[in-house]
């Protein structure tokens, strides 16, 4: 017998406004402490909530992608996280990371990691057509592709990424857009950044979903997580 909550319990939990408010309050109150910076995966810093790492692990295990495309590399922990799940699955699955700058010490650490054998990187802006062309070439012919967007968080940048890369996600797979929670946080939460309320990944997701009916937000997954940087951001390709 499964110990997982049944769908109705998950639905009720996700619909409980008090519970949802408490989860968001935790995210808001820990922002000043940079909670998401506290974790690593197989020795590399990974700037994500643990719940989101679990969710992405579930998606990779279920979809079994031949290619995971990630924009935003930072220290490389997310690439290594995806690569390690692909390693457990077996086969030839690879991770392709794109970042406008891969700092030398991060590149050296990624190159020295055992999971490097499953990782490819491209240094350049994710919204540059030359970079996007290389990513499309890597995805060409792949039966199962999963996409994770986590680079510059402005509306225009993320919407451009969605238009370029979301269509590479195959039917039944996902385009995961992280840091959509920015829209739900206080207006001054990112006063020192070029993004904020009204200009962030969630507003880009809203605009993209109006353009592209092939994608649908996975509300059940979001309800199970509660604490996530990606509300409205787990986009499943349905056709």
Protein backbone atom coordinates (compact mmCIF):
# COMPACT_ATOMS: atom_id res chain seq x y z
CA UNK A 1 0.00 0.00 0.00
CA UNK A 2 1.36 3.43 -0.95
CA UNK A 3 2.08 5.85 1.90
CA UNK A 4 1.69 8.83 -0.44
CA UNK A 5 -1.26 11.13 0.06
CA UNK A 6 -4.22 10.40 -2.15
CA UNK A 7 -5.08 12.97 -4.87
CA UNK A 8 -8.03 14.36 -2.95
CA UNK A 9 -5.92 15.03 0.16
CA UNK A 10 -3.31 16.74 -2.02
CA UNK A 11 -6.02 18.82 -3.70
CA UNK A 12 -7.46 19.93 -0.37
CA UNK A 13 -4.02 20.79 0.99
CA UNK A 14 -3.22 22.84 -2.12
CA UNK A 15 -6.54 24.64 -1.84
CA UNK A 16 -6.08 25.47 1.86
CA UNK A 17 -5.40 29.21 1.82
CA UNK A 18 -3.99 29.21 5.36
CA UNK A 19 -1.50 26.47 4.52
CA UNK A 20 -0.51 28.17 1.26
CA UNK A 21 -0.05 31.50 3.05
CA UNK A 22 2.13 29.85 5.72
CA UNK A 23 4.32 28.26 3.04
CA UNK A 24 4.75 31.58 1.22
CA UNK A 25 5.42 33.35 4.52
CA UNK A 26 8.27 30.93 5.19
CA UNK A 27 9.78 31.68 1.78
CA UNK A 28 9.45 35.43 2.35
CA UNK A 29 10.89 35.38 5.89
CA UNK A 30 13.91 33.27 4.95
CA UNK A 31 14.76 35.38 1.89
CA UNK A 32 17.02 37.65 3.95
CA UNK A 33 18.94 34.57 5.14
CA UNK A 34 19.38 33.22 1.60
CA UNK A 35 17.94 29.86 2.65
CA UNK A 36 18.21 28.39 -0.84
CA UNK A 37 22.00 28.89 -0.68
CA UNK A 38 22.36 26.40 2.19
CA UNK A 39 22.49 23.22 0.14
CA UNK A 40 24.76 21.19 -2.12
CA UNK A 41 24.36 18.17 -4.36
CA UNK A 42 27.20 15.65 -4.53
CA UNK A 43 29.65 18.29 -3.38
CA UNK A 44 28.59 21.27 -5.52
CA UNK A 45 26.46 24.19 -4.27
CA UNK A 46 22.92 24.03 -5.63
CA UNK A 47 20.86 27.17 -5.20
CA UNK A 48 17.41 25.62 -4.97
CA UNK A 49 14.81 24.73 -2.37
CA UNK A 50 15.14 21.05 -1.40
CA UNK A 51 11.50 20.51 -2.34
CA UNK A 52 12.17 21.73 -5.89
CA UNK A 53 15.15 19.38 -6.21
CA UNK A 54 12.88 16.51 -5.18
CA UNK A 55 10.29 17.58 -7.73
CA UNK A 56 12.84 17.80 -10.54
CA UNK A 57 14.18 14.38 -9.54
CA UNK A 58 10.65 12.99 -9.83
CA UNK A 59 10.20 14.53 -13.26
CA UNK A 60 13.52 13.22 -14.57
CA UNK A 61 12.83 9.74 -13.20
CA UNK A 62 9.34 9.71 -14.72
CA UNK A 63 10.11 11.30 -18.09
CA UNK A 64 13.53 9.60 -18.48
CA UNK A 65 14.75 12.30 -20.84
CA UNK A 66 17.50 11.75 -23.35
CA UNK A 67 18.40 15.40 -22.83
CA UNK A 68 17.89 17.87 -19.98
CA UNK A 69 18.40 21.49 -21.06
CA UNK A 70 19.19 23.94 -18.27
CA UNK A 71 19.68 27.70 -18.55
CA UNK A 72 21.67 29.13 -15.66
CA UNK A 73 24.67 27.17 -14.38
CA UNK A 74 26.07 29.13 -11.40
CA UNK A 75 28.16 26.65 -9.37
CA UNK A 76 26.99 23.65 -11.37
CA UNK A 77 25.03 21.91 -8.64
CA UNK A 78 21.82 21.74 -10.65
CA UNK A 79 23.62 20.24 -13.65
CA UNK A 80 25.18 17.61 -11.41
CA UNK A 81 21.83 16.93 -9.75
CA UNK A 82 20.18 16.23 -13.13
CA UNK A 83 23.17 14.24 -14.37
CA UNK A 84 23.20 12.06 -11.27
CA UNK A 85 19.55 11.07 -11.75
CA UNK A 86 20.27 10.26 -15.39
CA UNK A 87 23.23 8.16 -14.23
CA UNK A 88 20.94 6.14 -11.98
CA UNK A 89 18.47 5.65 -14.83
CA UNK A 90 21.25 4.46 -17.12
CA UNK A 91 21.38 4.85 -20.85
CA UNK A 92 22.86 7.78 -22.73
CA UNK A 93 20.98 10.71 -21.20
CA UNK A 94 22.84 14.01 -21.08
CA UNK A 95 22.52 17.46 -19.52
CA UNK A 96 23.19 20.63 -21.51
CA UNK A 97 23.82 23.75 -19.44
CA UNK A 98 23.79 27.29 -20.84
CA UNK A 99 25.09 30.39 -19.06
CA UNK A 100 26.23 33.81 -20.18
CA UNK A 101 29.33 33.35 -17.98
CA UNK A 102 30.83 30.17 -16.57
CA UNK A 103 33.40 31.35 -14.06
CA UNK A 104 36.75 29.54 -14.22
CA UNK A 105 36.58 28.08 -10.70
CA UNK A 106 33.07 26.72 -11.37
CA UNK A 107 34.11 25.27 -14.72
CA UNK A 108 37.11 23.59 -13.07
CA UNK A 109 34.91 22.07 -10.35
CA UNK A 110 32.36 20.82 -12.89
CA UNK A 111 35.11 19.38 -15.09
CA UNK A 112 36.58 17.52 -12.11
CA UNK A 113 33.26 16.00 -11.02
CA UNK A 114 32.41 12.33 -11.73
CA UNK A 115 29.11 13.42 -13.33
CA UNK A 116 30.99 15.52 -15.88
CA UNK A 117 30.74 12.59 -18.29
CA UNK A 118 27.03 13.38 -18.78
CA UNK A 119 27.32 17.18 -18.92
CA UNK A 120 27.84 19.56 -21.85
CA UNK A 121 27.99 23.35 -21.49
CA UNK A 122 27.58 26.38 -23.72
CA UNK A 123 28.88 29.76 -22.60
CA UNK A 124 26.76 32.56 -24.02
CA UNK A 125 23.44 34.30 -23.59
CA UNK A 126 20.56 31.85 -23.62
CA UNK A 127 18.52 34.25 -25.75
CA UNK A 128 21.22 34.67 -28.39
CA UNK A 129 20.08 33.00 -31.60
CA UNK A 130 23.49 31.41 -32.18
CA UNK A 131 23.31 29.77 -28.74
CA UNK A 132 19.69 28.71 -29.23
CA UNK A 133 20.64 27.15 -32.57
CA UNK A 134 23.26 25.00 -30.85
CA UNK A 135 20.72 23.91 -28.24
CA UNK A 136 18.16 23.03 -30.91
CA UNK A 137 20.81 20.97 -32.70
CA UNK A 138 21.53 19.06 -29.48
CA UNK A 139 17.80 18.36 -29.00
CA UNK A 140 17.20 17.37 -32.61
CA UNK A 141 16.01 13.79 -32.93
CA UNK A 142 15.62 13.25 -29.19
CA UNK A 143 12.42 11.45 -28.24
CA UNK A 144 12.30 12.85 -24.70
CA UNK A 145 13.58 16.30 -23.72
CA UNK A 146 13.07 18.17 -20.42
CA UNK A 147 13.79 21.91 -20.02
CA UNK A 148 14.67 23.90 -16.87
CA UNK A 149 14.88 27.72 -17.03
CA UNK A 150 16.82 29.46 -14.25
CA UNK A 151 18.94 32.30 -15.58
CA UNK A 152 18.13 36.04 -15.75
CA UNK A 153 14.73 36.51 -14.07
CA UNK A 154 13.30 39.51 -15.91
CA UNK A 155 10.00 39.15 -17.75
CA UNK A 156 11.45 39.83 -21.19
CA UNK A 157 14.39 37.45 -20.77
CA UNK A 158 12.31 34.55 -19.45
CA UNK A 159 9.61 35.05 -22.08
CA UNK A 160 12.31 34.95 -24.76
CA UNK A 161 13.70 31.75 -23.21
CA UNK A 162 10.24 30.20 -23.11
CA UNK A 163 9.67 30.94 -26.77
CA UNK A 164 13.07 29.47 -27.69
CA UNK A 165 13.29 26.44 -25.42
CA UNK A 166 9.86 25.38 -24.15
CA UNK A 167 8.95 23.96 -27.60
CA UNK A 168 11.97 21.64 -27.28
CA UNK A 169 10.26 19.88 -24.36
CA UNK A 170 8.59 16.81 -25.77
CA UNK A 171 4.94 15.86 -25.28
CA UNK A 172 4.45 14.49 -21.76
CA UNK A 173 7.62 16.18 -20.53
CA UNK A 174 8.06 19.55 -18.83
CA UNK A 175 9.47 23.03 -19.07
CA UNK A 176 10.22 24.05 -15.47
CA UNK A 177 10.45 27.80 -14.85
CA UNK A 178 12.10 28.55 -11.52
CA UNK A 179 11.84 31.68 -9.33
CA UNK A 180 8.28 32.49 -10.37
CA UNK A 181 7.70 33.08 -6.64
CA UNK A 182 9.23 36.55 -7.11
CA UNK A 183 5.77 37.75 -8.16
CA UNK A 184 4.30 36.64 -4.81
CA UNK A 185 6.92 38.25 -2.56
CA UNK A 186 6.95 41.81 -1.18
CA UNK A 187 7.58 44.51 -3.79
CA UNK A 188 10.90 45.47 -2.18
CA UNK A 189 12.23 41.91 -1.90
CA UNK A 190 14.56 42.36 -4.88
CA UNK A 191 15.20 46.11 -4.74
CA UNK A 192 18.81 45.58 -5.88
CA UNK A 193 17.90 43.41 -8.90
CA UNK A 194 16.46 44.21 -12.35
CA UNK A 195 13.42 42.01 -11.63
CA UNK A 196 10.59 42.25 -9.11
CA UNK A 197 6.81 42.24 -8.78
CA UNK A 198 5.28 42.66 -12.22
CA UNK A 199 8.55 41.85 -13.99
CA UNK A 200 9.66 38.29 -13.34
CA UNK A 201 9.43 34.65 -14.47
CA UNK A 202 5.80 34.24 -13.39
CA UNK A 203 4.61 37.19 -15.49
CA UNK A 204 6.55 35.67 -18.39
CA UNK A 205 4.84 32.30 -17.82
CA UNK A 206 1.43 33.95 -17.83
CA UNK A 207 2.21 35.67 -21.13
CA UNK A 208 3.63 32.51 -22.67
CA UNK A 209 0.65 30.35 -21.75
CA UNK A 210 -1.63 32.79 -23.57
CA UNK A 211 0.53 32.31 -26.68
CA UNK A 212 1.13 28.58 -26.61
CA UNK A 213 -1.74 26.20 -25.80
CA UNK A 214 0.57 23.18 -25.95
CA UNK A 215 1.47 23.69 -22.28
CA UNK A 216 -0.51 23.41 -19.06
CA UNK A 217 0.47 24.22 -15.47
CA UNK A 218 0.81 21.10 -13.29
CA UNK A 219 -1.29 22.15 -10.28
CA UNK A 220 -1.12 18.75 -8.59
CA UNK A 221 2.66 18.87 -8.42
CA UNK A 222 2.58 22.41 -7.07
CA UNK A 223 0.00 21.41 -4.46
CA UNK A 224 2.19 18.54 -3.27
CA UNK A 225 5.24 20.77 -2.90
CA UNK A 226 3.69 23.78 -1.13
CA UNK A 227 7.16 25.27 -0.54
CA UNK A 228 8.54 26.00 -4.00
CA UNK A 229 10.32 28.72 -5.93
CA UNK A 230 8.21 27.80 -8.96
CA UNK A 231 4.48 28.40 -8.38
CA UNK A 232 2.81 28.33 -11.82
CA UNK A 233 6.19 27.26 -13.17
CA UNK A 234 5.85 23.49 -13.71
CA UNK A 235 4.65 23.53 -17.30
CA UNK A 236 3.70 20.17 -18.78
CA UNK A 237 3.61 19.83 -22.52
CA UNK A 238 0.25 18.25 -23.25
CA UNK A 239 0.30 18.34 -27.08
